[in-house]
Amino acid sequence: MKGKAKLEPKKEIEEQKKYIEKVEEINKKEAPKYSILTMGCQQNENDSEKICGMIEQMGYEKATNQEEIDLAVINTCCVRENAEDRLFGKLGELKKLKEKRGTIVAIGGCMMQEKHITKKIKESYPFVDLIFGTHTLHRFPEDLFKVLEEKNKLTDILDIDGKVYEGLPIKRESKVKASVTIMNGCNNFCSYCIVPYVRGRERSRAPKDIILEVEDLAKQGYKEITLLGQNVNSYLRVERENNIPFEEYQGVHSFATLLEAINKIEGIERIRFVSPHPKDFTDDVIEAIANCKKVCKLVHLPLQAGSTKILKSMNRKYTKEDYLNLVQKMKNKIPNLTLSTDIIVGFPGETEEDLEETLDVVKKVKFEQVYMFIYSRRVGTPGDKMENQIPEEIKHKHFNRLKELVESQISENNQKYVGTIQEVLVEGVSKNNKNTLTGRTDSNKVVIFEGNINELINKVVKIKIVSEHMWYLKGEVVNG
């Protein structure tokens, strides 16, 4: 789609509401069914909730089996190469459904901002009806209406940074926990990461819009809020540094003051956030975490690598020593602090010595959770052009060494919970055992226990931990 007149965000949303009504009118005779496949991070999951909100307002119902799907949406991620394999595998399945039922196939998300991917889709999967990008998600109703009315294929992608659009409908999966985006885009340009190229530069939401959304979630009964952004602790930094006017609301002018404001909202019992950047972890944010009772003391602090040489090559802007000093400062100021992290192995130039530096950080910090990734080349990033790429067998060897260390620490970490009483937010029935309930501690540990779902759901309950089982803890409800 080219040549569409640019509207201000409020007018654009009003325009899209008209298209929602038009599609709803088309669907009023029968309720067509839809499906959505979400790949990637919590930001993508939040985007999918908005897509589902728009779809259901247009008269679609969620499909219960593949054979009844009239609209199939895939919300893509481009952080790792296997996401591409998964997308093209899914398109192979949808081709058969398209031929049999005439299903409309729509693909959105980060991967659609990559020109070589959209080119491949158009050439190899011409049955795809709609391709939309991260900056045009809000125009989904209009795009879908044109596909339905004009029976043409449509591509709606912007290569420029998008704006912040408020007022999109949203369909949340959970009734207990909700994610709230506080900013979009990233200015860091880590050499392995495609995100700044597909989600654009940093753009912060207005403080008032965030606070009102969280207040509304509290009224609906939500207990836990996760604040989302590619670099949450630089919230409003671009605006402050470039004298871009923004309206303070309840004293919010930074990430620290945002945490403090949300901490005061009645009904919300837990606040989490992902992902911060170590180089931007300022003292006021540390103080806010320490002083705000509702802010969980598990902090996700991405390391990516423990070697200063590799960190420099990654363009991370901190050293191994900087990271360890920050961890120590946080541990000194935040009681009961636990940490989780992201680590990439096999980045170009990584030697055995570099891996040892990473393992050394893991040994010293004793992370509560480690999300481990094998480096995946992404077209368009500086990392992809580096000459000293690591052979796949060496990448996997390094990954297995990290995995072995992390798993050896899990049991030791878990043991400290046995015999303690933990406050657990009850989320629902366990997926693996319908006779037990599941919830999470402040430190995000999964706890399985017996109890009455109707009495305990969506409540913070005291649970005595009786045993640890690698990936979860087992507990008993403390009565009285």
Protein backbone atom coordinates (compact mmCIF):
# COMPACT_ATOMS: atom_id res chain seq x y z
CA MET A 1 0.00 0.00 0.00
CA LYS A 2 1.53 3.30 -1.07
CA GLY A 3 0.31 6.85 -1.22
CA LYS A 4 -2.07 6.63 1.74
CA ALA A 5 -2.53 10.06 3.30
CA LYS A 6 -0.93 10.33 6.72
CA LEU A 7 -3.33 10.98 9.57
CA GLU A 8 -2.59 11.94 13.13
CA PRO A 9 -2.80 8.92 15.47
CA LYS A 10 -6.21 9.82 16.99
CA LYS A 11 -7.77 10.38 13.57
CA GLU A 12 -6.15 7.23 12.23
CA ILE A 13 -7.68 5.13 15.01
CA GLU A 14 -11.11 6.68 14.38
CA GLU A 15 -10.70 5.81 10.70
CA GLN A 16 -9.85 2.20 11.58
CA LYS A 17 -12.95 1.93 13.78
CA LYS A 18 -15.01 2.64 10.65
CA TYR A 19 -13.30 -0.24 8.87
CA ILE A 20 -13.93 -2.51 11.87
CA GLU A 21 -17.65 -1.74 11.46
CA LYS A 22 -17.47 -2.40 7.70
CA VAL A 23 -15.90 -5.82 8.16
CA GLU A 24 -18.32 -6.61 10.98
CA GLU A 25 -21.17 -5.84 8.58
CA ILE A 26 -19.70 -8.29 6.06
CA ASN A 27 -19.48 -10.97 8.75
CA LYS A 28 -22.86 -10.42 10.43
CA LYS A 29 -24.65 -13.25 8.61
CA GLU A 30 -22.30 -15.86 10.02
CA ALA A 31 -19.45 -15.75 12.50
CA PRO A 32 -16.29 -16.71 10.60
CA LYS A 33 -13.43 -18.30 12.50
CA TYR A 34 -9.86 -17.08 12.93
CA SER A 35 -6.54 -18.37 14.24
CA ILE A 36 -3.36 -16.56 15.21
CA LEU A 37 0.17 -17.92 15.56
CA THR A 38 2.52 -15.75 17.59
CA MET A 39 6.27 -16.11 17.32
CA GLY A 40 8.89 -14.46 19.48
CA CYS A 41 8.98 -12.18 22.49
CA GLN A 42 6.44 -10.72 24.90
CA GLN A 43 6.26 -7.62 22.71
CA ASN A 44 4.98 -9.80 19.88
CA GLU A 45 2.51 -11.44 22.25
CA ASN A 46 1.23 -7.99 23.22
CA ASP A 47 0.89 -7.06 19.54
CA SER A 48 -1.05 -10.27 18.93
CA GLU A 49 -3.48 -9.38 21.71
CA LYS A 50 -4.19 -6.13 19.85
CA ILE A 51 -4.62 -7.98 16.56
CA CYS A 52 -7.05 -10.39 18.24
CA GLY A 53 -8.91 -7.45 19.78
CA MET A 54 -9.45 -5.92 16.33
CA ILE A 55 -10.35 -9.26 14.73
CA GLU A 56 -12.99 -10.13 17.30
CA GLN A 57 -14.56 -6.67 17.05
CA MET A 58 -14.85 -7.37 13.31
CA GLY A 59 -17.10 -10.34 14.05
CA TYR A 60 -14.65 -13.25 13.98
CA GLU A 61 -14.58 -16.02 16.56
CA LYS A 62 -11.52 -18.00 17.62
CA ALA A 63 -11.33 -21.32 15.78
CA THR A 64 -11.24 -24.54 17.80
CA ASN A 65 -9.76 -26.64 14.99
CA GLN A 66 -7.77 -25.96 11.83
CA GLU A 67 -10.41 -27.17 9.40
CA GLU A 68 -12.77 -24.27 10.23
CA ILE A 69 -10.30 -21.37 9.90
CA ASP A 70 -11.49 -18.53 7.63
CA LEU A 71 -8.74 -16.07 8.61
CA ALA A 72 -5.24 -17.25 9.54
CA VAL A 73 -2.85 -14.67 10.98
CA ILE A 74 0.84 -15.22 11.67
CA ASN A 75 2.65 -12.63 13.80
CA THR A 76 6.33 -13.19 13.08
CA CYS A 77 9.62 -12.70 14.90
CA CYS A 78 12.98 -12.28 13.18
CA VAL A 79 15.40 -12.56 16.07
CA ARG A 80 16.52 -16.11 15.19
CA GLU A 81 16.81 -18.07 11.96
CA ASN A 82 14.60 -20.96 13.09
CA ALA A 83 11.68 -18.51 13.13
CA GLU A 84 11.96 -18.34 9.33
CA ASP A 85 11.90 -22.13 9.06
CA ARG A 86 8.83 -22.22 11.29
CA LEU A 87 7.06 -19.55 9.21
CA PHE A 88 7.65 -21.26 5.87
CA GLY A 89 6.65 -24.62 7.34
CA LYS A 90 3.38 -23.12 8.56
CA LEU A 91 2.72 -21.52 5.17
CA GLY A 92 3.03 -24.97 3.61
CA GLU A 93 0.19 -26.14 5.89
CA LEU A 94 -1.94 -23.07 5.16
CA LYS A 95 -1.60 -23.52 1.40
CA LYS A 96 -3.66 -26.72 1.65
CA LEU A 97 -6.25 -24.97 3.80
CA LYS A 98 -6.35 -22.06 1.32
CA GLU A 99 -7.01 -24.43 -1.57
CA LYS A 100 -9.69 -26.33 0.36
CA ARG A 101 -11.52 -23.50 2.15
CA GLY A 102 -10.39 -20.19 0.65
CA THR A 103 -8.88 -19.13 3.98
CA ILE A 104 -7.48 -15.59 4.06
CA VAL A 105 -3.81 -15.71 5.03
CA ALA A 106 -2.25 -12.64 6.67
CA ILE A 107 1.34 -12.30 7.89
CA GLY A 108 2.58 -9.48 10.09
CA GLY A 109 5.29 -8.68 12.60
CA CYS A 110 9.01 -8.02 12.59
CA MET A 111 9.98 -10.44 9.85
CA MET A 112 7.79 -8.60 7.37
CA GLN A 113 10.06 -5.54 7.72
CA GLU A 114 12.85 -7.57 6.09
CA LYS A 115 12.75 -7.04 2.33
CA HIS A 116 14.32 -10.40 1.45
CA ILE A 117 11.61 -12.21 3.44
CA THR A 118 8.66 -10.39 1.86
CA LYS A 119 10.25 -10.94 -1.56
CA LYS A 120 10.46 -14.69 -0.89
CA ILE A 121 6.86 -14.81 0.30
CA LYS A 122 5.58 -13.04 -2.81
CA GLU A 123 7.61 -15.29 -5.10
CA SER A 124 7.24 -18.66 -3.35
CA TYR A 125 3.93 -18.29 -1.49
CA PRO A 126 1.74 -16.16 -3.79
CA PHE A 127 -1.44 -17.36 -2.05
CA VAL A 128 -0.69 -15.06 0.94
CA ASP A 129 -3.37 -12.35 0.90
CA LEU A 130 -1.97 -9.72 3.26
CA ILE A 131 1.49 -8.70 4.47
CA PHE A 132 1.70 -5.99 7.13
CA GLY A 133 4.59 -4.64 9.18
CA THR A 134 5.27 -3.51 12.72
CA HIS A 135 4.48 0.12 11.89
CA THR A 136 1.14 -0.63 10.21
CA LEU A 137 -0.43 -3.07 12.68
CA HIS A 138 -3.08 -0.48 13.56
CA ARG A 139 -4.27 -0.48 9.91
CA PHE A 140 -5.16 -4.17 9.96
CA PRO A 141 -8.96 -3.52 9.78
CA GLU A 142 -8.58 -1.35 6.66
CA ASP A 143 -6.18 -3.80 5.03
CA LEU A 144 -8.44 -6.77 5.75
CA PHE A 145 -11.50 -4.92 4.40
CA LYS A 146 -9.71 -4.23 1.12
CA VAL A 147 -8.67 -7.86 0.80
CA LEU A 148 -12.28 -8.96 1.40
CA GLU A 149 -13.83 -6.37 -0.93
CA GLU A 150 -11.28 -6.13 -3.73
CA LYS A 151 -10.11 -9.76 -3.66
CA ASN A 152 -6.55 -8.53 -4.24
CA LYS A 153 -3.26 -9.26 -2.51
CA LEU A 154 -2.08 -6.40 -0.33
CA THR A 155 1.24 -5.36 1.21
CA ASP A 156 1.19 -2.60 3.83
CA ILE A 157 4.67 -1.94 5.18
CA LEU A 158 6.41 1.28 6.25
CA ASP A 159 10.20 1.52 6.26
CA ILE A 160 10.14 4.64 8.44
CA ASP A 161 9.65 4.76 12.19
CA GLY A 162 6.01 4.41 13.16
CA LYS A 163 4.08 6.54 15.62
CA VAL A 164 2.52 5.56 18.92
CA TYR A 165 -1.15 4.67 18.44
CA GLU A 166 -3.49 4.59 21.43
CA GLY A 167 -6.97 3.14 21.66
CA LEU A 168 -6.58 -0.15 19.79
CA PRO A 169 -8.90 -2.88 21.07
CA ILE A 170 -7.12 -5.69 22.88
CA LYS A 171 -8.05 -9.30 23.69
CA ARG A 172 -5.91 -10.59 26.56
CA GLU A 173 -5.42 -14.31 27.06
CA SER A 174 -4.90 -14.16 30.83
CA LYS A 175 -7.26 -12.71 33.42
CA VAL A 176 -4.49 -12.63 36.04
CA LYS A 177 -1.43 -11.13 34.33
CA ALA A 178 -1.21 -8.45 31.65
CA SER A 179 1.61 -6.88 29.65
CA VAL A 180 1.68 -3.15 28.97
CA THR A 181 3.95 -1.66 26.32
CA ILE A 182 5.64 1.52 27.53
CA MET A 183 7.85 2.19 24.49
CA ASN A 184 8.59 0.92 21.00
CA GLY A 185 11.83 0.58 19.08
CA CYS A 186 15.48 0.65 20.12
CA ASN A 187 18.47 2.96 19.65
CA ASN A 188 21.22 0.59 20.77
CA PHE A 189 22.13 -1.23 17.53
CA CYS A 190 23.75 -4.27 19.12
CA SER A 191 25.63 -5.87 16.24
CA TYR A 192 23.76 -9.19 16.48
CA CYS A 193 20.27 -7.68 16.66
CA ILE A 194 17.79 -6.87 13.89
CA VAL A 195 15.23 -5.19 16.19
CA PRO A 196 16.21 -1.51 15.59
CA TYR A 197 15.87 -2.11 11.85
CA VAL A 198 12.41 -3.69 12.05
CA ARG A 199 10.84 -1.80 14.99
CA GLY A 200 12.56 1.53 14.42
CA ARG A 201 13.92 4.11 16.86
CA GLU A 202 12.82 4.52 20.46
CA ARG A 203 9.37 6.07 20.92
CA SER A 204 7.90 6.30 24.42
CA ARG A 205 4.20 6.24 25.21
CA ALA A 206 2.79 9.17 27.13
CA PRO A 207 2.84 8.64 30.92
CA LYS A 208 -0.89 9.33 31.19
CA ASP A 209 -1.78 6.65 28.64
CA ILE A 210 0.28 4.04 30.49
CA ILE A 211 -1.07 4.93 33.93
CA LEU A 212 -4.69 4.93 32.72
CA GLU A 213 -4.21 1.54 31.04
CA VAL A 214 -2.79 0.02 34.23
CA GLU A 215 -5.57 1.59 36.33
CA ASP A 216 -8.14 0.07 33.99
CA LEU A 217 -6.45 -3.35 34.25
CA ALA A 218 -6.57 -3.07 38.05
CA LYS A 219 -10.31 -2.38 37.87
CA GLN A 220 -10.72 -5.50 35.73
CA GLY A 221 -9.05 -7.55 38.46
CA TYR A 222 -5.56 -8.02 37.03
CA LYS A 223 -2.94 -8.52 39.73
CA GLU A 224 0.37 -8.58 37.84
CA ILE A 225 1.64 -6.12 35.24
CA THR A 226 4.71 -6.55 33.03
CA LEU A 227 6.05 -3.37 31.46
CA LEU A 228 7.41 -4.01 27.97
CA GLY A 229 10.01 -2.34 25.81
CA GLN A 230 13.21 -3.14 23.95
CA ASN A 231 15.06 -0.99 26.51
CA VAL A 232 12.62 -0.08 29.28
CA ASN A 233 15.05 1.78 31.49
CA SER A 234 15.59 4.41 28.80
CA TYR A 235 11.87 5.28 28.91
CA LEU A 236 11.42 8.99 27.95
CA ARG A 237 15.20 9.42 27.61
CA VAL A 238 15.03 10.36 23.92
CA GLU A 239 12.36 12.93 24.70
CA ARG A 240 14.38 14.45 27.58
CA GLU A 241 17.71 14.51 25.73
CA ASN A 242 16.24 16.03 22.56
CA ASN A 243 13.87 18.47 24.27
CA ILE A 244 10.87 16.72 22.72
CA PRO A 245 7.87 17.93 24.73
CA PHE A 246 5.86 15.38 26.69
CA GLU A 247 3.24 15.84 29.36
CA GLU A 248 4.13 14.64 32.83
CA TYR A 249 1.37 12.76 34.61
CA GLN A 250 1.45 11.93 38.31
CA GLY A 251 5.09 13.06 38.34
CA VAL A 252 6.23 10.54 35.71
CA HIS A 253 9.24 11.76 33.71
CA SER A 254 11.49 8.67 33.71
CA PHE A 255 11.40 4.91 34.15
CA ALA A 256 12.06 5.18 37.88
CA THR A 257 9.15 7.59 38.40
CA LEU A 258 6.92 5.36 36.24
CA LEU A 259 7.64 2.40 38.54
CA GLU A 260 6.83 4.59 41.56
CA ALA A 261 3.54 5.76 40.05
CA ILE A 262 2.36 2.26 39.11
CA ASN A 263 3.38 1.01 42.56
CA LYS A 264 0.68 3.30 43.99
CA ILE A 265 -2.17 1.87 41.88
CA GLU A 266 -4.62 0.01 44.09
CA GLY A 267 -5.34 -3.57 43.06
CA ILE A 268 -2.04 -4.21 41.30
CA GLU A 269 0.08 -6.51 43.46
CA ARG A 270 3.09 -7.25 41.25
CA ILE A 271 5.09 -5.23 38.73
CA ARG A 272 7.67 -6.76 36.40
CA PHE A 273 9.55 -5.29 33.45
CA VAL A 274 11.55 -6.51 30.42
CA SER A 275 14.05 -5.80 29.12
CA PRO A 276 16.44 -3.26 30.62
CA HIS A 277 19.94 -2.56 29.29
CA PRO A 278 22.84 -2.75 31.80
CA LYS A 279 24.42 0.45 30.47
CA ASP A 280 21.24 2.42 31.29
CA PHE A 281 20.57 0.95 34.74
CA THR A 282 20.70 4.17 36.73
CA ASP A 283 20.75 4.57 40.50
CA ASP A 284 17.22 6.00 40.62
CA VAL A 285 15.86 2.80 38.99
CA ILE A 286 17.73 0.67 41.53
CA GLU A 287 16.25 2.79 44.34
CA ALA A 288 12.75 2.45 42.86
CA ILE A 289 13.05 -1.35 42.73
CA ALA A 290 14.31 -1.42 46.32
CA ASN A 291 11.64 0.94 47.68
CA CYS A 292 8.56 -0.08 45.69
CA LYS A 293 6.94 -3.03 47.47
CA LYS A 294 5.04 -4.21 44.40
CA VAL A 295 8.05 -4.25 42.04
CA CYS A 296 9.30 -7.84 41.90
CA LYS A 297 12.84 -8.35 43.13
CA LEU A 298 13.64 -10.64 40.20
CA VAL A 299 15.35 -8.38 37.66
CA HIS A 300 16.05 -9.55 34.11
CA LEU A 301 19.51 -8.17 33.30
CA PRO A 302 20.72 -9.32 29.87
CA LEU A 303 24.43 -10.21 29.86
CA GLN A 304 24.73 -11.62 26.30
CA ALA A 305 28.45 -12.42 26.83
CA GLY A 306 30.96 -12.38 29.67
CA SER A 307 33.97 -11.50 27.54
CA THR A 308 34.74 -7.78 27.32
CA LYS A 309 36.21 -8.39 23.86
CA ILE A 310 32.99 -10.01 22.62
CA LEU A 311 30.82 -7.39 24.37
CA LYS A 312 32.69 -4.68 22.47
CA SER A 313 32.20 -6.57 19.21
CA MET A 314 28.49 -6.86 20.08
CA ASN A 315 28.36 -3.07 20.65
CA ARG A 316 26.95 -3.57 24.14
CA LYS A 317 28.72 -0.49 25.64
CA TYR A 318 29.78 -2.15 28.92
CA THR A 319 32.57 -4.47 30.07
CA LYS A 320 32.52 -7.68 32.10
CA GLU A 321 33.67 -5.64 35.10
CA ASP A 322 30.94 -3.03 34.55
CA TYR A 323 28.32 -5.77 34.58
CA LEU A 324 29.64 -7.46 37.72
CA ASN A 325 29.95 -4.11 39.51
CA LEU A 326 26.33 -3.29 38.61
CA VAL A 327 25.18 -6.67 39.94
CA GLN A 328 27.03 -6.07 43.20
CA LYS A 329 25.57 -2.56 43.54
CA MET A 330 22.06 -3.94 42.97
CA LYS A 331 22.58 -6.77 45.47
CA ASN A 332 23.80 -4.24 48.07
CA LYS A 333 20.75 -2.01 47.65
CA ILE A 334 17.89 -4.42 46.85
CA PRO A 335 16.98 -6.96 49.56
CA ASN A 336 16.24 -10.50 48.28
CA LEU A 337 17.35 -9.60 44.74
CA THR A 338 17.39 -12.43 42.20
CA LEU A 339 18.55 -12.10 38.61
CA SER A 340 17.73 -13.67 35.27
CA THR A 341 19.63 -13.07 32.05
CA ASP A 342 20.07 -13.70 28.31
CA ILE A 343 23.30 -15.20 26.95
CA ILE A 344 24.35 -15.72 23.33
CA VAL A 345 27.07 -18.25 22.53
CA GLY A 346 28.94 -18.60 19.25
CA PHE A 347 29.10 -14.90 18.34
CA PRO A 348 31.75 -14.19 15.66
CA GLY A 349 35.24 -14.38 17.11
CA GLU A 350 34.25 -16.22 20.30
CA THR A 351 37.17 -18.36 21.52
CA GLU A 352 37.38 -20.93 24.31
CA GLU A 353 38.83 -18.16 26.50
CA ASP A 354 35.86 -15.90 25.72
CA LEU A 355 33.46 -18.69 26.65
CA GLU A 356 35.32 -19.18 29.95
CA GLU A 357 34.72 -15.49 30.71
CA THR A 358 30.98 -16.02 30.20
CA LEU A 359 30.99 -19.13 32.38
CA ASP A 360 32.86 -17.15 35.05
CA VAL A 361 30.08 -14.54 35.20
CA VAL A 362 27.44 -17.28 35.46
CA LYS A 363 29.36 -18.88 38.35
CA LYS A 364 29.73 -15.57 40.18
CA VAL A 365 26.22 -14.17 39.73
CA LYS A 366 24.30 -17.45 40.18
CA PHE A 367 21.36 -16.39 38.01
CA GLU A 368 17.88 -17.59 38.92
CA GLN A 369 17.13 -18.18 35.23
CA VAL A 370 19.33 -18.12 32.13
CA TYR A 371 17.82 -17.88 28.65
CA MET A 372 20.48 -19.38 26.38
CA PHE A 373 20.76 -18.83 22.63
CA ILE A 374 23.07 -19.96 19.87
CA TYR A 375 24.09 -16.97 17.72
CA SER A 376 22.00 -16.74 14.58
CA ARG A 377 23.12 -14.57 11.66
CA ARG A 378 20.55 -11.95 10.68
CA VAL A 379 20.73 -10.30 7.26
CA GLY A 380 21.18 -6.53 7.63
CA THR A 381 23.09 -6.59 10.92
CA PRO A 382 26.82 -5.86 11.37
CA GLY A 383 27.27 -9.32 12.92
CA ASP A 384 26.22 -10.98 9.69
CA LYS A 385 29.07 -9.26 7.83
CA MET A 386 31.80 -10.23 10.30
CA GLU A 387 34.39 -12.57 8.78
CA ASN A 388 35.22 -14.62 11.88
CA GLN A 389 31.97 -16.62 11.99
CA ILE A 390 32.00 -19.66 14.29
CA PRO A 391 31.36 -23.13 12.80
CA GLU A 392 28.04 -24.66 13.87
CA GLU A 393 29.67 -27.58 15.67
CA ILE A 394 31.73 -25.17 17.81
CA LYS A 395 28.62 -23.09 18.56
CA HIS A 396 26.82 -26.19 19.81
CA LYS A 397 29.84 -27.28 21.83
CA HIS A 398 29.93 -23.87 23.56
CA PHE A 399 26.16 -23.97 24.10
CA ASN A 400 26.34 -27.40 25.72
CA ARG A 401 29.05 -26.26 28.13
CA LEU A 402 26.94 -23.27 29.18
CA LYS A 403 23.83 -25.44 29.48
CA GLU A 404 25.68 -27.95 31.67
CA LEU A 405 26.82 -25.20 34.06
CA VAL A 406 23.40 -23.52 34.23
CA GLU A 407 21.59 -26.78 34.93
CA SER A 408 24.13 -27.71 37.61
CA GLN A 409 23.24 -24.46 39.39
CA ILE A 410 19.46 -24.89 39.18
CA SER A 411 19.20 -27.58 41.86
CA GLU A 412 21.43 -25.57 44.19
CA ASN A 413 19.31 -22.46 43.59
CA ASN A 414 16.09 -24.41 44.10
CA GLN A 415 17.24 -25.91 47.40
CA LYS A 416 17.14 -22.50 49.07
CA TYR A 417 13.34 -22.46 48.57
CA VAL A 418 12.65 -25.83 50.24
CA GLY A 419 11.13 -25.30 53.67
CA THR A 420 10.41 -21.60 53.07
CA ILE A 421 7.02 -19.95 52.77
CA GLN A 422 6.58 -18.11 49.46
CA GLU A 423 3.91 -15.73 48.26
CA VAL A 424 2.55 -17.23 45.05
CA LEU A 425 0.22 -15.55 42.57
CA VAL A 426 -2.21 -18.31 41.55
CA GLU A 427 -2.63 -18.39 37.77
CA GLY A 428 -4.81 -21.43 37.19
CA VAL A 429 -4.84 -25.19 36.72
CA SER A 430 -1.52 -26.84 35.91
CA LYS A 431 -1.18 -27.79 32.23
CA ASN A 432 0.38 -31.13 33.11
CA ASN A 433 -1.90 -32.14 35.97
CA LYS A 434 -5.51 -30.98 36.14
CA ASN A 435 -5.69 -31.91 39.81
CA THR A 436 -3.12 -29.30 40.81
CA LEU A 437 -2.84 -25.52 40.57
CA THR A 438 0.08 -23.44 39.36
CA GLY A 439 1.46 -20.02 40.18
CA ARG A 440 4.70 -18.09 40.44
CA THR A 441 6.81 -16.63 43.19
CA ASP A 442 8.15 -13.07 43.18
CA SER A 443 11.32 -14.59 41.67
CA ASN A 444 9.22 -16.12 38.86
CA LYS A 445 9.64 -19.71 40.03
CA VAL A 446 6.80 -22.02 38.97
CA VAL A 447 5.07 -23.62 41.98
CA ILE A 448 2.69 -26.59 41.73
CA PHE A 449 0.27 -27.29 44.60
CA GLU A 450 -3.17 -28.67 45.43
CA GLY A 451 -6.09 -26.35 46.13
CA ASN A 452 -9.55 -25.11 45.17
CA ILE A 453 -9.30 -23.17 41.90
CA ASN A 454 -12.45 -21.16 42.60
CA GLU A 455 -11.15 -19.97 45.95
CA LEU A 456 -7.52 -19.30 45.02
CA ILE A 457 -7.41 -18.13 41.37
CA ASN A 458 -5.99 -14.63 40.92
CA LYS A 459 -4.93 -14.38 44.56
CA VAL A 460 -1.52 -14.14 46.18
CA VAL A 461 -1.38 -17.17 48.49
CA LYS A 462 1.20 -18.28 51.05
CA ILE A 463 2.70 -21.60 49.97
CA LYS A 464 5.18 -23.73 51.88
CA ILE A 465 7.73 -25.24 49.48
CA VAL A 466 8.15 -28.94 50.23
CA SER A 467 10.37 -30.10 47.34
CA GLU A 468 12.20 -28.95 44.21
CA HIS A 469 11.97 -30.62 40.81
CA MET A 470 14.47 -28.85 38.50
CA TRP A 471 11.99 -26.76 36.51
CA TYR A 472 9.37 -26.25 39.22
CA LEU A 473 8.80 -26.27 42.96
CA LYS A 474 6.13 -28.26 44.78
CA GLY A 475 4.28 -26.72 47.68
CA GLU A 476 1.37 -26.80 50.10
CA VAL A 477 -1.09 -24.04 50.94
CA VAL A 478 -0.45 -22.50 54.35
CA ASN A 479 -3.75 -22.22 56.19
CA GLY A 480 -4.47 -19.45 58.64
